[in-house]
PDB file of N, CA and C in Angstrom:
ATOM      1  N   MET A   1      95.647 107.795  97.959  1.00  0.00           N
ATOM      2  CA  MET A   1      95.926 109.363  98.413  1.00  0.00           C
ATOM      3  C   MET A   1      95.553 109.402  99.812  1.00  0.00           C
ATOM      4  N   CYS A   2      94.387 109.050 100.207  1.00  0.00           N
ATOM      5  CA  CYS A   2      94.243 109.240 101.849  1.00  0.00           C
ATOM      6  C   CYS A   2      94.921 108.765 102.574  1.00  0.00           C
ATOM      7  N   VAL A   3      95.526 107.767 102.345  1.00  0.00           N
ATOM      8  CA  VAL A   3      96.630 106.876 103.527  1.00  0.00           C
ATOM      9  C   VAL A   3      97.894 107.928 103.277  1.00  0.00           C
ATOM     10  N   LYS A   4      98.129 108.272 102.222  1.00  0.00           N
ATOM     11  CA  LYS A   4      99.540 109.217 102.374  1.00  0.00           C
ATOM     12  C   LYS A   4      98.998 110.591 103.048  1.00  0.00           C
ATOM     13  N   LEU A   5      97.633 111.100 102.918  1.00  0.00           N
ATOM     14  CA  LEU A   5      97.378 112.266 103.738  1.00  0.00           C
ATOM     15  C   LEU A   5      97.570 112.099 104.963  1.00  0.00           C
ATOM     16  N   LYS A   6      97.032 111.121 105.631  1.00  0.00           N
ATOM     17  CA  LYS A   6      96.919 110.677 106.882  1.00  0.00           C
ATOM     18  C   LYS A   6      98.560 110.577 107.115  1.00  0.00           C
ATOM     19  N   MET A   7      99.086 109.671 106.843  1.00  0.00           N
ATOM     20  CA  MET A   7     100.832 109.730 106.963  1.00  0.00           C
ATOM     21  C   MET A   7     101.111 111.071 107.227  1.00  0.00           C
ATOM     22  N   SER A   8     101.133 111.902 106.352  1.00  0.00           N
ATOM     23  CA  SER A   8     101.792 113.221 106.412  1.00  0.00           C
ATOM     24  C   SER A   8     101.197 114.000 107.738  1.00  0.00           C
ATOM     25  N   GLU A   9      99.997 113.861 107.809  1.00  0.00           N
ATOM     26  CA  GLU A   9      99.216 114.554 109.472  1.00  0.00           C
ATOM     27  C   GLU A   9      99.749 113.693 110.400  1.00  0.00           C
ATOM     28  N   GLY A  10     100.325 112.457 110.399  1.00  0.00           N
ATOM     29  CA  GLY A  10     101.158 111.668 111.366  1.00  0.00           C
ATOM     30  C   GLY A  10      99.814 111.086 112.070  1.00  0.00           C
ATOM     31  N   GLU A  11      98.642 110.539 111.544  1.00  0.00           N
ATOM     32  CA  GLU A  11      97.802 109.541 111.723  1.00  0.00           C
ATOM     33  C   GLU A  11      98.153 108.349 111.601  1.00  0.00           C
ATOM     34  N   ILE A  12      98.668 108.041 110.737  1.00  0.00           N
ATOM     35  CA  ILE A  12      98.904 106.850 110.226  1.00  0.00           C
ATOM     36  C   ILE A  12     100.535 106.454 110.334  1.00  0.00           C
ATOM     37  N   ASN A  13     101.070 105.313 110.816  1.00  0.00           N
ATOM     38  CA  ASN A  13     102.358 105.319 111.656  1.00  0.00           C
ATOM     39  C   ASN A  13     102.990 104.696 110.171  1.00  0.00           C
ATOM     40  N   GLU A  14     104.154 104.547 109.544  1.00  0.00           N
ATOM     41  CA  GLU A  14     104.705 104.121 107.961  1.00  0.00           C
ATOM     42  C   GLU A  14     104.627 102.644 108.593  1.00  0.00           C
ATOM     43  N   ASP A  15     105.335 102.294 109.834  1.00  0.00           N
ATOM     44  CA  ASP A  15     105.613 101.054 110.047  1.00  0.00           C
ATOM     45  C   ASP A  15     104.378 100.280 110.095  1.00  0.00           C
ATOM     46  N   GLU A  16     103.600 100.687 110.600  1.00  0.00           N
ATOM     47  CA  GLU A  16     102.218  99.994 111.044  1.00  0.00           C
ATOM     48  C   GLU A  16     101.521  99.744 109.245  1.00  0.00           C
ATOM     49  N   TRP A  17     101.653 100.947 108.758  1.00  0.00           N
ATOM     50  CA  TRP A  17     100.715 100.777 107.433  1.00  0.00           C
ATOM     51  C   TRP A  17     101.715  99.654 106.393  1.00  0.00           C
ATOM     52  N   SER A  18     103.133  99.527 106.509  1.00  0.00           N
ATOM     53  CA  SER A  18     103.631  98.565 105.983  1.00  0.00           C
ATOM     54  C   SER A  18     103.517  96.897 106.075  1.00  0.00           C
ATOM     55  N   PHE A  19     102.982  96.977 107.499  1.00  0.00           N
ATOM     56  CA  PHE A  19     102.708  95.577 108.317  1.00  0.00           C
ATOM     57  C   PHE A  19     101.327  95.444 107.499  1.00  0.00           C
ATOM     58  N   PHE A  20     100.439  96.368 107.698  1.00  0.00           N
ATOM     59  CA  PHE A  20      99.320  96.129 107.242  1.00  0.00           C
ATOM     60  C   PHE A  20      99.150  95.571 105.580  1.00  0.00           C
ATOM     61  N   LEU A  21     100.493  96.100 104.739  1.00  0.00           N
ATOM     62  CA  LEU A  21     100.260  95.737 103.651  1.00  0.00           C
ATOM     63  C   LEU A  21     100.771  94.483 103.339  1.00  0.00           C
ATOM     64  N   ARG A  22     101.967  94.018 103.970  1.00  0.00           N
ATOM     65  CA  ARG A  22     102.665  93.126 103.662  1.00  0.00           C
ATOM     66  C   ARG A  22     102.571  91.891 104.530  1.00  0.00           C
ATOM     67  N   GLY A  23     102.038  92.108 106.027  1.00  0.00           N
ATOM     68  CA  GLY A  23     102.042  91.131 106.956  1.00  0.00           C
ATOM     69  C   GLY A  23     103.450  90.528 107.532  1.00  0.00           C
ATOM     70  N   GLY A  24     103.219  89.791 108.254  1.00  0.00           N
ATOM     71  CA  GLY A  24     104.425  89.480 109.182  1.00  0.00           C
ATOM     72  C   GLY A  24     105.050  88.192 108.445  1.00  0.00           C
ATOM     73  N   LEU A  25     106.529  87.959 108.521  1.00  0.00           N
ATOM     74  CA  LEU A  25     107.412  86.876 107.849  1.00  0.00           C
ATOM     75  C   LEU A  25     108.206  86.394 108.985  1.00  0.00           C
ATOM     76  N   VAL A  26     107.866  84.741 109.365  1.00  0.00           N
ATOM     77  CA  VAL A  26     108.925  84.462 110.131  1.00  0.00           C
ATOM     78  C   VAL A  26     109.469  83.525 109.582  1.00  0.00           C
ATOM     79  N   LEU A  27     110.879  83.713 109.880  1.00  0.00           N
ATOM     80  CA  LEU A  27     112.199  82.585 109.119  1.00  0.00           C
ATOM     81  C   LEU A  27     112.215  81.625 109.898  1.00  0.00           C
ATOM     82  N   ASP A  28     112.088  81.922 111.338  1.00  0.00           N
ATOM     83  CA  ASP A  28     112.376  80.834 112.168  1.00  0.00           C
ATOM     84  C   ASP A  28     111.551  80.401 113.284  1.00  0.00           C
ATOM     85  N   ARG A  29     110.730  79.745 113.183  1.00  0.00           N
ATOM     86  CA  ARG A  29     109.681  79.629 114.326  1.00  0.00           C
ATOM     87  C   ARG A  29     110.336  78.833 115.757  1.00  0.00           C
ATOM     88  N   SER A  30     111.416  78.793 115.649  1.00  0.00           N
ATOM     89  CA  SER A  30     111.802  78.043 116.853  1.00  0.00           C
ATOM     90  C   SER A  30     111.692  79.188 118.049  1.00  0.00           C
ATOM     91  N   THR A  31     111.781  80.349 117.762  1.00  0.00           N
ATOM     92  CA  THR A  31     112.005  81.387 118.883  1.00  0.00           C
ATOM     93  C   THR A  31     110.229  82.054 118.851  1.00  0.00           C
ATOM     94  N   GLN A  32     109.554  81.677 118.102  1.00  0.00           N
ATOM     95  CA  GLN A  32     107.856  82.074 118.217  1.00  0.00           C
ATOM     96  C   GLN A  32     107.240  81.336 119.591  1.00  0.00           C
ATOM     97  N   PRO A  33     106.466  82.283 119.944  1.00  0.00           N
ATOM     98  CA  PRO A  33     105.609  81.542 121.251  1.00  0.00           C
ATOM     99  C   PRO A  33     104.608  80.415 120.380  1.00  0.00           C
ATOM    100  N   VAL A  34     104.877  79.279 121.078  1.00  0.00           N
ATOM    101  CA  VAL A  34     103.982  78.243 120.262  1.00  0.00           C
ATOM    102  C   VAL A  34     102.352  78.913 119.931  1.00  0.00           C
ATOM    103  N   LYS A  35     101.931  78.079 119.059  1.00  0.00           N
ATOM    104  CA  LYS A  35     100.478  78.618 118.495  1.00  0.00           C
ATOM    105  C   LYS A  35      99.704  77.497 119.337  1.00  0.00           C
ATOM    106  N   PRO A  36      98.540  78.442 119.817  1.00  0.00           N
ATOM    107  CA  PRO A  36      97.471  77.618 120.686  1.00  0.00           C
ATOM    108  C   PRO A  36      96.591  76.663 119.732  1.00  0.00           C
ATOM    109  N   PRO A  37      96.445  75.750 120.380  1.00  0.00           N
ATOM    110  CA  PRO A  37      95.930  74.774 119.669  1.00  0.00           C
ATOM    111  C   PRO A  37      94.146  75.329 119.306  1.00  0.00           C
ATOM    112  N   PHE A  38      94.031  76.340 118.936  1.00  0.00           N
ATOM    113  CA  PHE A  38      92.570  77.056 118.521  1.00  0.00           C
ATOM    114  C   PHE A  38      92.552  76.513 116.943  1.00  0.00           C
ATOM    115  N   ASP A  39      91.646  76.132 116.385  1.00  0.00           N
ATOM    116  CA  ASP A  39      90.933  75.785 115.197  1.00  0.00           C
ATOM    117  C   ASP A  39      90.745  77.601 114.080  1.00  0.00           C
ATOM    118  N   TRP A  40      90.555  78.371 115.078  1.00  0.00           N
ATOM    119  CA  TRP A  40      90.339  79.422 114.163  1.00  0.00           C
ATOM    120  C   TRP A  40      91.495  80.493 114.312  1.00  0.00           C
ATOM    121  N   ILE A  41      92.567  80.032 114.488  1.00  0.00           N
ATOM    122  CA  ILE A  41      93.784  80.825 114.423  1.00  0.00           C
ATOM    123  C   ILE A  41      94.546  79.533 113.395  1.00  0.00           C
ATOM    124  N   THR A  42      94.864  80.210 112.037  1.00  0.00           N
ATOM    125  CA  THR A  42      95.744  79.485 111.239  1.00  0.00           C
ATOM    126  C   THR A  42      97.131  79.516 111.716  1.00  0.00           C
ATOM    127  N   THR A  43      98.330  79.067 111.140  1.00  0.00           N
ATOM    128  CA  THR A  43      99.511  79.220 111.022  1.00  0.00           C
ATOM    129  C   THR A  43     100.172  80.705 110.910  1.00  0.00           C
ATOM    130  N   THR A  44      99.586  80.921 109.721  1.00  0.00           N
ATOM    131  CA  THR A  44      99.860  82.398 108.866  1.00  0.00           C
ATOM    132  C   THR A  44      99.402  83.339 110.189  1.00  0.00           C
ATOM    133  N   ALA A  45      97.995  83.205 110.316  1.00  0.00           N
ATOM    134  CA  ALA A  45      97.674  84.234 111.335  1.00  0.00           C
ATOM    135  C   ALA A  45      98.464  84.039 112.434  1.00  0.00           C
ATOM    136  N   TRP A  46      98.781  83.144 113.195  1.00  0.00           N
ATOM    137  CA  TRP A  46      99.499  83.325 114.342  1.00  0.00           C
ATOM    138  C   TRP A  46     100.886  84.137 113.989  1.00  0.00           C
ATOM    139  N   ASP A  47     101.403  83.841 112.786  1.00  0.00           N
ATOM    140  CA  ASP A  47     102.764  84.467 112.692  1.00  0.00           C
ATOM    141  C   ASP A  47     102.690  85.789 112.478  1.00  0.00           C
ATOM    142  N   ASN A  48     101.623  86.172 111.853  1.00  0.00           N
ATOM    143  CA  ASN A  48     101.230  87.675 111.697  1.00  0.00           C
ATOM    144  C   ASN A  48     100.877  88.364 113.012  1.00  0.00           C
ATOM    145  N   ILE A  49     100.303  87.474 114.201  1.00  0.00           N
ATOM    146  CA  ILE A  49     100.084  88.030 115.422  1.00  0.00           C
ATOM    147  C   ILE A  49     101.282  88.156 116.447  1.00  0.00           C
ATOM    148  N   THR A  50     102.102  86.953 116.171  1.00  0.00           N
ATOM    149  CA  THR A  50     103.684  87.139 116.870  1.00  0.00           C
ATOM    150  C   THR A  50     104.599  88.208 116.343  1.00  0.00           C
ATOM    151  N   GLU A  51     104.608  88.259 115.051  1.00  0.00           N
ATOM    152  CA  GLU A  51     105.194  89.214 114.230  1.00  0.00           C
ATOM    153  C   GLU A  51     104.718  90.611 114.644  1.00  0.00           C
ATOM    154  N   LEU A  52     103.524  90.855 114.713  1.00  0.00           N
ATOM    155  CA  LEU A  52     103.006  92.362 115.070  1.00  0.00           C
ATOM    156  C   LEU A  52     103.530  92.800 116.509  1.00  0.00           C
ATOM    157  N   GLU A  53     103.726  91.821 117.596  1.00  0.00           N
ATOM    158  CA  GLU A  53     103.933  92.379 118.766  1.00  0.00           C
ATOM    159  C   GLU A  53     105.804  92.230 118.656  1.00  0.00           C
ATOM    160  N   LYS A  54     106.299  91.694 117.704  1.00  0.00           N
ATOM    161  CA  LYS A  54     107.813  91.808 117.537  1.00  0.00           C
ATOM    162  C   LYS A  54     107.814  92.840 117.083  1.00  0.00           C
ATOM    163  N   ASN A  55     107.336  93.391 115.936  1.00  0.00           N
ATOM    164  CA  ASN A  55     107.614  94.754 114.975  1.00  0.00           C
ATOM    165  C   ASN A  55     106.970  95.841 115.527  1.00  0.00           C
ATOM    166  N   LEU A  56     105.886  95.815 116.167  1.00  0.00           N
ATOM    167  CA  LEU A  56     105.589  97.199 116.586  1.00  0.00           C
ATOM    168  C   LEU A  56     104.871  96.891 118.318  1.00  0.00           C
ATOM    169  N   PRO A  57     105.866  96.710 118.740  1.00  0.00           N
ATOM    170  CA  PRO A  57     105.389  96.504 120.357  1.00  0.00           C
ATOM    171  C   PRO A  57     104.989  97.615 121.114  1.00  0.00           C
ATOM    172  N   SER A  58     105.104  98.788 120.800  1.00  0.00           N
ATOM    173  CA  SER A  58     104.480  99.638 121.332  1.00  0.00           C
ATOM    174  C   SER A  58     102.833  99.819 121.278  1.00  0.00           C
ATOM    175  N   THR A  59     102.084  99.483 120.270  1.00  0.00           N
ATOM    176  CA  THR A  59     101.048  98.720 120.176  1.00  0.00           C
ATOM    177  C   THR A  59     100.585  97.481 120.235  1.00  0.00           C
ATOM    178  N   PHE A  60     101.136  96.490 120.271  1.00  0.00           N
ATOM    179  CA  PHE A  60     100.617  95.372 120.018  1.00  0.00           C
ATOM    180  C   PHE A  60     101.583  94.247 121.285  1.00  0.00           C
ATOM    181  N   SER A  61     102.335  95.165 122.044  1.00  0.00           N
ATOM    182  CA  SER A  61     102.648  94.078 123.368  1.00  0.00           C
ATOM    183  C   SER A  61     101.806  93.247 124.098  1.00  0.00           C
ATOM    184  N   GLY A  62     102.351  91.936 124.157  1.00  0.00           N
ATOM    185  CA  GLY A  62     101.551  91.254 124.817  1.00  0.00           C
ATOM    186  C   GLY A  62     100.163  90.803 123.855  1.00  0.00           C
ATOM    187  N   ILE A  63      99.877  90.730 122.914  1.00  0.00           N
ATOM    188  CA  ILE A  63      98.742  90.349 122.190  1.00  0.00           C
ATOM    189  C   ILE A  63      99.122  88.418 121.741  1.00  0.00           C
ATOM    190  N   PRO A  64      99.945  88.193 121.799  1.00  0.00           N
ATOM    191  CA  PRO A  64      99.887  86.883 121.660  1.00  0.00           C
ATOM    192  C   PRO A  64      99.459  86.021 123.084  1.00  0.00           C
ATOM    193  N   ASN A  65     100.102  86.395 123.976  1.00  0.00           N
ATOM    194  CA  ASN A  65      99.914  86.008 125.338  1.00  0.00           C
ATOM    195  C   ASN A  65      98.274  86.295 125.757  1.00  0.00           C
ATOM    196  N   ALA A  66      98.026  87.468 125.250  1.00  0.00           N
ATOM    197  CA  ALA A  66      96.464  87.648 125.534  1.00  0.00           C
ATOM    198  C   ALA A  66      95.400  86.889 124.678  1.00  0.00           C
ATOM    199  N   ILE A  67      95.471  86.463 123.576  1.00  0.00           N
ATOM    200  CA  ILE A  67      95.136  85.441 122.674  1.00  0.00           C
ATOM    201  C   ILE A  67      94.811  84.362 123.133  1.00  0.00           C
ATOM    202  N   THR A  68      96.248  83.649 123.903  1.00  0.00           N
ATOM    203  CA  THR A  68      96.405  82.541 124.458  1.00  0.00           C
ATOM    204  C   THR A  68      95.329  82.025 125.460  1.00  0.00           C
ATOM    205  N   LEU A  69      95.327  83.121 126.452  1.00  0.00           N
ATOM    206  CA  LEU A  69      94.664  83.285 128.136  1.00  0.00           C
ATOM    207  C   LEU A  69      93.632  83.668 127.805  1.00  0.00           C
ATOM    208  N   ASN A  70      92.700  84.303 126.848  1.00  0.00           N
ATOM    209  CA  ASN A  70      91.413  84.587 126.612  1.00  0.00           C
ATOM    210  C   ASN A  70      90.962  84.327 125.394  1.00  0.00           C
ATOM    211  N   PRO A  71      91.221  83.310 124.692  1.00  0.00           N
ATOM    212  CA  PRO A  71      90.480  82.944 123.383  1.00  0.00           C
ATOM    213  C   PRO A  71      89.043  83.188 123.025  1.00  0.00           C
ATOM    214  N   LYS A  72      88.031  82.830 124.081  1.00  0.00           N
ATOM    215  CA  LYS A  72      86.620  83.525 123.950  1.00  0.00           C
ATOM    216  C   LYS A  72      86.464  84.789 123.526  1.00  0.00           C
ATOM    217  N   GLU A  73      87.273  85.612 124.165  1.00  0.00           N
ATOM    218  CA  GLU A  73      87.457  87.367 123.956  1.00  0.00           C
ATOM    219  C   GLU A  73      87.841  87.344 122.560  1.00  0.00           C
ATOM    220  N   TRP A  74      88.580  86.857 121.974  1.00  0.00           N
ATOM    221  CA  TRP A  74      89.172  87.063 120.751  1.00  0.00           C
ATOM    222  C   TRP A  74      88.332  86.428 119.591  1.00  0.00           C
TER     223      TRP A  74
END
């Protein structure tokens, strides 16, 4: 109920909420940025990270690159 109220107030974006509930789905990894060789990023996590950038670019543009270039910060 709280989420629906926040959505009606414009505080929660419906696309972001949907992604939060379902995560990202990658059907073709050939176009996906290569997963960095860090043990703490699973393939599923990397799928979600790259799909965040793809589906919600206004909020998450550049996040795969930022993680790859600054792994200690993440």
